[in-house]
Amino acid sequence: MDHMDMLIPHQISKSLILQIASSLLPGGCPIPITANELGNTGSAAIPVTLYREMEQGRLSLGTQQDVGLFGAASGLGIGHIRMRL
């Protein structure tokens, strides 16, 4: 993951999000945090955040932006996917 326009994480703790992001993307990229506004949205956290970023004009379909979606759960659940808008 040498370049990302944005990394959209599951809304776990901010410090954990930043720690994981620094491992995945040492060069950094924007990482929206919505938990402080929306609270724990559970399994909807990633799609809600993706929608908000598109609604606010920071992401758009057809722009070829690379976006990483990062999910994590208590225990051993973890996963990520890269998509191009």
PDB file of N, CA and C in Angstrom:
ATOM      1  N   MET A   1       0.841  -1.172   0.000  1.00  0.00           N
ATOM      2  CA  MET A   1       0.000   0.000   0.000  1.00  0.00           C
ATOM      3  C   MET A   1       0.886   1.234   0.000  1.00  0.00           C
ATOM      4  N   ASP A   2       1.509   1.477  -1.134  1.00  0.00           N
ATOM      5  CA  ASP A   2       2.466   2.572  -1.230  1.00  0.00           C
ATOM      6  C   ASP A   2       1.806   3.945  -1.303  1.00  0.00           C
ATOM      7  N   HIS A   3       0.572   4.014  -1.772  1.00  0.00           N
ATOM      8  CA  HIS A   3      -0.125   5.308  -1.848  1.00  0.00           C
ATOM      9  C   HIS A   3      -1.617   5.089  -1.647  1.00  0.00           C
ATOM     10  N   MET A   4      -2.211   5.904  -0.839  1.00  0.00           N
ATOM     11  CA  MET A   4      -3.659   5.908  -0.634  1.00  0.00           C
ATOM     12  C   MET A   4      -4.113   7.354  -0.578  1.00  0.00           C
ATOM     13  N   ASP A   5      -5.248   7.637  -1.190  1.00  0.00           N
ATOM     14  CA  ASP A   5      -5.816   8.970  -1.086  1.00  0.00           C
ATOM     15  C   ASP A   5      -6.556   9.141   0.235  1.00  0.00           C
ATOM     16  N   MET A   6      -7.050   8.019   0.787  1.00  0.00           N
ATOM     17  CA  MET A   6      -7.742   8.065   2.072  1.00  0.00           C
ATOM     18  C   MET A   6      -7.824   6.650   2.636  1.00  0.00           C
ATOM     19  N   LEU A   7      -7.752   6.548   3.947  1.00  0.00           N
ATOM     20  CA  LEU A   7      -7.956   5.280   4.641  1.00  0.00           C
ATOM     21  C   LEU A   7      -9.183   5.443   5.524  1.00  0.00           C
ATOM     22  N   ILE A   8     -10.205   4.611   5.291  1.00  0.00           N
ATOM     23  CA  ILE A   8     -11.440   4.687   6.067  1.00  0.00           C
ATOM     24  C   ILE A   8     -11.492   3.480   6.990  1.00  0.00           C
ATOM     25  N   PRO A   9     -11.307   3.698   8.284  1.00  0.00           N
ATOM     26  CA  PRO A   9     -11.267   2.586   9.228  1.00  0.00           C
ATOM     27  C   PRO A   9     -12.607   2.347   9.908  1.00  0.00           C
ATOM     28  N   HIS A  10     -12.746   1.132  10.425  1.00  0.00           N
ATOM     29  CA  HIS A  10     -13.809   0.874  11.383  1.00  0.00           C
ATOM     30  C   HIS A  10     -13.505   1.785  12.570  1.00  0.00           C
ATOM     31  N   GLN A  11     -14.510   2.333  13.188  1.00  0.00           N
ATOM     32  CA  GLN A  11     -14.296   3.356  14.207  1.00  0.00           C
ATOM     33  C   GLN A  11     -14.019   2.757  15.588  1.00  0.00           C
ATOM     34  N   ILE A  12     -12.838   2.144  15.680  1.00  0.00           N
ATOM     35  CA  ILE A  12     -12.331   1.696  16.967  1.00  0.00           C
ATOM     36  C   ILE A  12     -11.652   2.897  17.612  1.00  0.00           C
ATOM     37  N   SER A  13     -10.901   2.729  18.642  1.00  0.00           N
ATOM     38  CA  SER A  13     -10.296   3.888  19.312  1.00  0.00           C
ATOM     39  C   SER A  13      -9.355   4.649  18.371  1.00  0.00           C
ATOM     40  N   LYS A  14      -9.351   5.963  18.502  1.00  0.00           N
ATOM     41  CA  LYS A  14      -8.534   6.808  17.637  1.00  0.00           C
ATOM     42  C   LYS A  14      -7.059   6.436  17.728  1.00  0.00           C
ATOM     43  N   SER A  15      -6.559   6.190  18.928  1.00  0.00           N
ATOM     44  CA  SER A  15      -5.138   5.854  19.069  1.00  0.00           C
ATOM     45  C   SER A  15      -4.816   4.534  18.362  1.00  0.00           C
ATOM     46  N   LEU A  16      -5.719   3.565  18.430  1.00  0.00           N
ATOM     47  CA  LEU A  16      -5.496   2.289  17.751  1.00  0.00           C
ATOM     48  C   LEU A  16      -5.573   2.470  16.234  1.00  0.00           C
ATOM     49  N   ILE A  17      -6.511   3.281  15.769  1.00  0.00           N
ATOM     50  CA  ILE A  17      -6.619   3.567  14.330  1.00  0.00           C
ATOM     51  C   ILE A  17      -5.310   4.168  13.820  1.00  0.00           C
ATOM     52  N   LEU A  18      -4.788   5.158  14.522  1.00  0.00           N
ATOM     53  CA  LEU A  18      -3.555   5.818  14.083  1.00  0.00           C
ATOM     54  C   LEU A  18      -2.353   4.882  14.142  1.00  0.00           C
ATOM     55  N   GLN A  19      -2.323   4.013  15.132  1.00  0.00           N
ATOM     56  CA  GLN A  19      -1.229   3.041  15.247  1.00  0.00           C
ATOM     57  C   GLN A  19      -1.262   2.061  14.072  1.00  0.00           C
ATOM     58  N   ILE A  20      -2.434   1.543  13.759  1.00  0.00           N
ATOM     59  CA  ILE A  20      -2.568   0.603  12.639  1.00  0.00           C
ATOM     60  C   ILE A  20      -2.271   1.303  11.322  1.00  0.00           C
ATOM     61  N   ALA A  21      -2.783   2.519  11.152  1.00  0.00           N
ATOM     62  CA  ALA A  21      -2.560   3.269   9.918  1.00  0.00           C
ATOM     63  C   ALA A  21      -1.079   3.540   9.688  1.00  0.00           C
ATOM     64  N   SER A  22      -0.342   3.829  10.745  1.00  0.00           N
ATOM     65  CA  SER A  22       1.087   4.095  10.569  1.00  0.00           C
ATOM     66  C   SER A  22       1.828   2.836  10.133  1.00  0.00           C
ATOM     67  N   SER A  23       1.318   1.666  10.489  1.00  0.00           N
ATOM     68  CA  SER A  23       1.917   0.405  10.033  1.00  0.00           C
ATOM     69  C   SER A  23       1.568   0.126   8.575  1.00  0.00           C
ATOM     70  N   LEU A  24       0.301   0.383   8.198  1.00  0.00           N
ATOM     71  CA  LEU A  24      -0.140   0.125   6.831  1.00  0.00           C
ATOM     72  C   LEU A  24       0.386   1.158   5.849  1.00  0.00           C
ATOM     73  N   LEU A  25       0.409   2.423   6.272  1.00  0.00           N
ATOM     74  CA  LEU A  25       0.779   3.528   5.391  1.00  0.00           C
ATOM     75  C   LEU A  25       1.804   4.424   6.062  1.00  0.00           C
ATOM     76  N   PRO A  26       3.062   4.018   6.054  1.00  0.00           N
ATOM     77  CA  PRO A  26       4.080   4.823   6.733  1.00  0.00           C
ATOM     78  C   PRO A  26       4.147   6.262   6.229  1.00  0.00           C
ATOM     79  N   GLY A  27       3.788   6.514   4.959  1.00  0.00           N
ATOM     80  CA  GLY A  27       3.809   7.865   4.399  1.00  0.00           C
ATOM     81  C   GLY A  27       2.618   8.706   4.814  1.00  0.00           C
ATOM     82  N   GLY A  28       1.589   8.055   5.349  1.00  0.00           N
ATOM     83  CA  GLY A  28       0.397   8.767   5.813  1.00  0.00           C
ATOM     84  C   GLY A  28      -0.594   9.077   4.707  1.00  0.00           C
ATOM     85  N   CYS A  29      -1.807   9.396   5.105  1.00  0.00           N
ATOM     86  CA  CYS A  29      -2.883   9.836   4.231  1.00  0.00           C
ATOM     87  C   CYS A  29      -4.028  10.287   5.129  1.00  0.00           C
ATOM     88  N   PRO A  30      -5.035  10.981   4.582  1.00  0.00           N
ATOM     89  CA  PRO A  30      -6.168  11.387   5.412  1.00  0.00           C
ATOM     90  C   PRO A  30      -6.904  10.173   5.990  1.00  0.00           C
ATOM     91  N   ILE A  31      -7.296  10.279   7.261  1.00  0.00           N
ATOM     92  CA  ILE A  31      -8.029   9.221   7.951  1.00  0.00           C
ATOM     93  C   ILE A  31      -9.198   9.875   8.682  1.00  0.00           C
ATOM     94  N   PRO A  32     -10.408   9.789   8.119  1.00  0.00           N
ATOM     95  CA  PRO A  32     -11.551  10.418   8.783  1.00  0.00           C
ATOM     96  C   PRO A  32     -11.959   9.645  10.040  1.00  0.00           C
ATOM     97  N   ILE A  33     -12.217  10.376  11.099  1.00  0.00           N
ATOM     98  CA  ILE A  33     -12.684   9.796  12.362  1.00  0.00           C
ATOM     99  C   ILE A  33     -14.099  10.322  12.593  1.00  0.00           C
ATOM    100  N   THR A  34     -15.089   9.426  12.660  1.00  0.00           N
ATOM    101  CA  THR A  34     -16.478   9.842  12.842  1.00  0.00           C
ATOM    102  C   THR A  34     -17.035   9.440  14.209  1.00  0.00           C
ATOM    103  N   ALA A  35     -16.323   8.612  14.940  1.00  0.00           N
ATOM    104  CA  ALA A  35     -16.850   8.120  16.218  1.00  0.00           C
ATOM    105  C   ALA A  35     -17.138   9.247  17.197  1.00  0.00           C
ATOM    106  N   ASN A  36     -16.347  10.313  17.154  1.00  0.00           N
ATOM    107  CA  ASN A  36     -16.569  11.429  18.077  1.00  0.00           C
ATOM    108  C   ASN A  36     -17.887  12.162  17.788  1.00  0.00           C
ATOM    109  N   GLU A  37     -18.382  12.091  16.546  1.00  0.00           N
ATOM    110  CA  GLU A  37     -19.648  12.728  16.189  1.00  0.00           C
ATOM    111  C   GLU A  37     -20.824  11.755  16.209  1.00  0.00           C
ATOM    112  N   LEU A  38     -20.587  10.534  15.720  1.00  0.00           N
ATOM    113  CA  LEU A  38     -21.676   9.582  15.523  1.00  0.00           C
ATOM    114  C   LEU A  38     -21.733   8.480  16.570  1.00  0.00           C
ATOM    115  N   GLY A  39     -20.698   8.364  17.385  1.00  0.00           N
ATOM    116  CA  GLY A  39     -20.650   7.274  18.347  1.00  0.00           C
ATOM    117  C   GLY A  39     -20.309   5.958  17.665  1.00  0.00           C
ATOM    118  N   ASN A  40     -20.556   4.867  18.351  1.00  0.00           N
ATOM    119  CA  ASN A  40     -20.253   3.548  17.819  1.00  0.00           C
ATOM    120  C   ASN A  40     -21.369   3.133  16.869  1.00  0.00           C
ATOM    121  N   THR A  41     -21.072   3.127  15.579  1.00  0.00           N
ATOM    122  CA  THR A  41     -22.069   2.739  14.583  1.00  0.00           C
ATOM    123  C   THR A  41     -21.916   1.278  14.169  1.00  0.00           C
ATOM    124  N   GLY A  42     -21.081   0.527  14.895  1.00  0.00           N
ATOM    125  CA  GLY A  42     -20.927  -0.911  14.648  1.00  0.00           C
ATOM    126  C   GLY A  42     -20.514  -1.221  13.231  1.00  0.00           C
ATOM    127  N   SER A  43     -21.195  -2.194  12.622  1.00  0.00           N
ATOM    128  CA  SER A  43     -20.819  -2.655  11.283  1.00  0.00           C
ATOM    129  C   SER A  43     -21.101  -1.621  10.195  1.00  0.00           C
ATOM    130  N   ALA A  44     -21.814  -0.554  10.516  1.00  0.00           N
ATOM    131  CA  ALA A  44     -22.102   0.490   9.528  1.00  0.00           C
ATOM    132  C   ALA A  44     -21.034   1.580   9.498  1.00  0.00           C
ATOM    133  N   ALA A  45     -20.029   1.507  10.370  1.00  0.00           N
ATOM    134  CA  ALA A  45     -19.040   2.586  10.484  1.00  0.00           C
ATOM    135  C   ALA A  45     -18.332   2.891   9.170  1.00  0.00           C
ATOM    136  N   ILE A  46     -17.874   1.880   8.455  1.00  0.00           N
ATOM    137  CA  ILE A  46     -17.141   2.125   7.207  1.00  0.00           C
ATOM    138  C   ILE A  46     -18.059   2.692   6.128  1.00  0.00           C
ATOM    139  N   PRO A  47     -19.223   2.074   5.835  1.00  0.00           N
ATOM    140  CA  PRO A  47     -20.078   2.670   4.802  1.00  0.00           C
ATOM    141  C   PRO A  47     -20.598   4.061   5.159  1.00  0.00           C
ATOM    142  N   VAL A  48     -20.893   4.301   6.419  1.00  0.00           N
ATOM    143  CA  VAL A  48     -21.358   5.637   6.837  1.00  0.00           C
ATOM    144  C   VAL A  48     -20.248   6.664   6.610  1.00  0.00           C
ATOM    145  N   THR A  49     -19.035   6.340   6.986  1.00  0.00           N
ATOM    146  CA  THR A  49     -17.907   7.263   6.812  1.00  0.00           C
ATOM    147  C   THR A  49     -17.617   7.472   5.331  1.00  0.00           C
ATOM    148  N   LEU A  50     -17.646   6.418   4.529  1.00  0.00           N
ATOM    149  CA  LEU A  50     -17.438   6.548   3.084  1.00  0.00           C
ATOM    150  C   LEU A  50     -18.496   7.471   2.472  1.00  0.00           C
ATOM    151  N   TYR A  51     -19.741   7.282   2.843  1.00  0.00           N
ATOM    152  CA  TYR A  51     -20.818   8.143   2.345  1.00  0.00           C
ATOM    153  C   TYR A  51     -20.590   9.598   2.743  1.00  0.00           C
ATOM    154  N   ARG A  52     -20.235   9.832   3.992  1.00  0.00           N
ATOM    155  CA  ARG A  52     -19.999  11.207   4.456  1.00  0.00           C
ATOM    156  C   ARG A  52     -18.864  11.872   3.682  1.00  0.00           C
ATOM    157  N   GLU A  53     -17.789  11.133   3.427  1.00  0.00           N
ATOM    158  CA  GLU A  53     -16.664  11.701   2.679  1.00  0.00           C
ATOM    159  C   GLU A  53     -17.072  12.035   1.247  1.00  0.00           C
ATOM    160  N   MET A  54     -17.928  11.202   0.647  1.00  0.00           N
ATOM    161  CA  MET A  54     -18.416  11.493  -0.710  1.00  0.00           C
ATOM    162  C   MET A  54     -19.388  12.662  -0.686  1.00  0.00           C
ATOM    163  N   GLU A  55     -20.258  12.701   0.291  1.00  0.00           N
ATOM    164  CA  GLU A  55     -21.233  13.783   0.423  1.00  0.00           C
ATOM    165  C   GLU A  55     -20.535  15.136   0.621  1.00  0.00           C
ATOM    166  N   GLN A  56     -19.406  15.127   1.338  1.00  0.00           N
ATOM    167  CA  GLN A  56     -18.677  16.364   1.604  1.00  0.00           C
ATOM    168  C   GLN A  56     -17.664  16.704   0.508  1.00  0.00           C
ATOM    169  N   GLY A  57     -17.621  15.892  -0.559  1.00  0.00           N
ATOM    170  CA  GLY A  57     -16.802  16.200  -1.725  1.00  0.00           C
ATOM    171  C   GLY A  57     -15.339  15.811  -1.626  1.00  0.00           C
ATOM    172  N   ARG A  58     -14.953  15.096  -0.587  1.00  0.00           N
ATOM    173  CA  ARG A  58     -13.546  14.693  -0.467  1.00  0.00           C
ATOM    174  C   ARG A  58     -13.243  13.434  -1.279  1.00  0.00           C
ATOM    175  N   LEU A  59     -14.277  12.653  -1.598  1.00  0.00           N
ATOM    176  CA  LEU A  59     -14.154  11.482  -2.458  1.00  0.00           C
ATOM    177  C   LEU A  59     -15.267  11.542  -3.496  1.00  0.00           C
ATOM    178  N   SER A  60     -14.983  11.042  -4.714  1.00  0.00           N
ATOM    179  CA  SER A  60     -15.987  11.037  -5.777  1.00  0.00           C
ATOM    180  C   SER A  60     -15.783   9.837  -6.680  1.00  0.00           C
ATOM    181  N   LEU A  61     -16.890   9.247  -7.136  1.00  0.00           N
ATOM    182  CA  LEU A  61     -16.805   8.156  -8.100  1.00  0.00           C
ATOM    183  C   LEU A  61     -16.233   8.662  -9.410  1.00  0.00           C
ATOM    184  N   GLY A  62     -15.450   7.828 -10.089  1.00  0.00           N
ATOM    185  CA  GLY A  62     -14.873   8.179 -11.373  1.00  0.00           C
ATOM    186  C   GLY A  62     -13.595   8.988 -11.303  1.00  0.00           C
ATOM    187  N   THR A  63     -13.086   9.239 -10.101  1.00  0.00           N
ATOM    188  CA  THR A  63     -11.886  10.071  -9.947  1.00  0.00           C
ATOM    189  C   THR A  63     -10.597   9.256  -9.894  1.00  0.00           C
ATOM    190  N   GLN A  64     -10.723   7.939  -9.846  1.00  0.00           N
ATOM    191  CA  GLN A  64      -9.567   7.047  -9.719  1.00  0.00           C
ATOM    192  C   GLN A  64      -8.828   7.213  -8.391  1.00  0.00           C
ATOM    193  N   GLN A  65      -9.507   7.752  -7.385  1.00  0.00           N
ATOM    194  CA  GLN A  65      -8.898   7.857  -6.058  1.00  0.00           C
ATOM    195  C   GLN A  65      -8.759   6.451  -5.465  1.00  0.00           C
ATOM    196  N   ASP A  66      -7.636   6.206  -4.801  1.00  0.00           N
ATOM    197  CA  ASP A  66      -7.415   4.945  -4.098  1.00  0.00           C
ATOM    198  C   ASP A  66      -7.832   5.111  -2.650  1.00  0.00           C
ATOM    199  N   VAL A  67      -8.747   4.251  -2.213  1.00  0.00           N
ATOM    200  CA  VAL A  67      -9.273   4.328  -0.851  1.00  0.00           C
ATOM    201  C   VAL A  67      -9.094   2.965  -0.201  1.00  0.00           C
ATOM    202  N   GLY A  68      -8.551   2.976   1.003  1.00  0.00           N
ATOM    203  CA  GLY A  68      -8.432   1.745   1.777  1.00  0.00           C
ATOM    204  C   GLY A  68      -9.553   1.677   2.795  1.00  0.00           C
ATOM    205  N   LEU A  69     -10.202   0.535   2.871  1.00  0.00           N
ATOM    206  CA  LEU A  69     -11.234   0.300   3.881  1.00  0.00           C
ATOM    207  C   LEU A  69     -10.646  -0.697   4.870  1.00  0.00           C
ATOM    208  N   PHE A  70     -10.649  -0.342   6.139  1.00  0.00           N
ATOM    209  CA  PHE A  70      -9.983  -1.150   7.153  1.00  0.00           C
ATOM    210  C   PHE A  70     -10.961  -1.523   8.250  1.00  0.00           C
ATOM    211  N   GLY A  71     -11.142  -2.819   8.454  1.00  0.00           N
ATOM    212  CA  GLY A  71     -12.050  -3.288   9.493  1.00  0.00           C
ATOM    213  C   GLY A  71     -11.310  -4.048  10.573  1.00  0.00           C
ATOM    214  N   ALA A  72     -11.791  -3.943  11.779  1.00  0.00           N
ATOM    215  CA  ALA A  72     -11.211  -4.678  12.899  1.00  0.00           C
ATOM    216  C   ALA A  72     -12.330  -4.989  13.885  1.00  0.00           C
ATOM    217  N   ALA A  73     -12.154  -6.063  14.615  1.00  0.00           N
ATOM    218  CA  ALA A  73     -13.136  -6.443  15.628  1.00  0.00           C
ATOM    219  C   ALA A  73     -12.397  -6.985  16.834  1.00  0.00           C
ATOM    220  N   SER A  74     -13.095  -7.045  17.946  1.00  0.00           N
ATOM    221  CA  SER A  74     -12.447  -7.577  19.149  1.00  0.00           C
ATOM    222  C   SER A  74     -12.033  -9.017  18.899  1.00  0.00           C
ATOM    223  N   GLY A  75     -11.006  -9.435  19.541  1.00  0.00           N
ATOM    224  CA  GLY A  75     -10.488 -10.778  19.301  1.00  0.00           C
ATOM    225  C   GLY A  75      -9.489 -10.755  18.170  1.00  0.00           C
ATOM    226  N   LEU A  76      -9.660 -11.626  17.190  1.00  0.00           N
ATOM    227  CA  LEU A  76      -8.674 -11.767  16.116  1.00  0.00           C
ATOM    228  C   LEU A  76      -9.165 -11.292  14.757  1.00  0.00           C
ATOM    229  N   GLY A  77     -10.316 -10.632  14.684  1.00  0.00           N
ATOM    230  CA  GLY A  77     -10.848 -10.199  13.394  1.00  0.00           C
ATOM    231  C   GLY A  77     -10.171  -8.939  12.884  1.00  0.00           C
ATOM    232  N   ILE A  78      -9.632  -9.007  11.662  1.00  0.00           N
ATOM    233  CA  ILE A  78      -9.004  -7.843  11.045  1.00  0.00           C
ATOM    234  C   ILE A  78      -9.005  -8.049   9.528  1.00  0.00           C
ATOM    235  N   GLY A  79      -9.197  -6.994   8.785  1.00  0.00           N
ATOM    236  CA  GLY A  79      -9.169  -7.105   7.336  1.00  0.00           C
ATOM    237  C   GLY A  79      -9.111  -5.742   6.686  1.00  0.00           C
ATOM    238  N   HIS A  80      -8.651  -5.716   5.436  1.00  0.00           N
ATOM    239  CA  HIS A  80      -8.632  -4.458   4.698  1.00  0.00           C
ATOM    240  C   HIS A  80      -8.793  -4.741   3.215  1.00  0.00           C
ATOM    241  N   ILE A  81      -9.269  -3.754   2.511  1.00  0.00           N
ATOM    242  CA  ILE A  81      -9.432  -3.857   1.063  1.00  0.00           C
ATOM    243  C   ILE A  81      -9.101  -2.493   0.462  1.00  0.00           C
ATOM    244  N   ARG A  82      -8.544  -2.525  -0.721  1.00  0.00           N
ATOM    245  CA  ARG A  82      -8.218  -1.297  -1.448  1.00  0.00           C
ATOM    246  C   ARG A  82      -9.166  -1.208  -2.635  1.00  0.00           C
ATOM    247  N   MET A  83      -9.761  -0.041  -2.820  1.00  0.00           N
ATOM    248  CA  MET A  83     -10.656   0.123  -3.975  1.00  0.00           C
ATOM    249  C   MET A  83     -10.349   1.436  -4.670  1.00  0.00           C
ATOM    250  N   ARG A  84     -10.625   1.451  -5.944  1.00  0.00           N
ATOM    251  CA  ARG A  84     -10.404   2.658  -6.737  1.00  0.00           C
ATOM    252  C   ARG A  84     -11.767   3.209  -7.124  1.00  0.00           C
ATOM    253  N   LEU A  85     -11.985   4.483  -6.767  1.00  0.00           N
ATOM    254  CA  LEU A  85     -13.253   5.114  -7.101  1.00  0.00           C
ATOM    255  C   LEU A  85     -13.223   5.569  -8.537  1.00  0.00           C
TER     256      LEU A  85
END
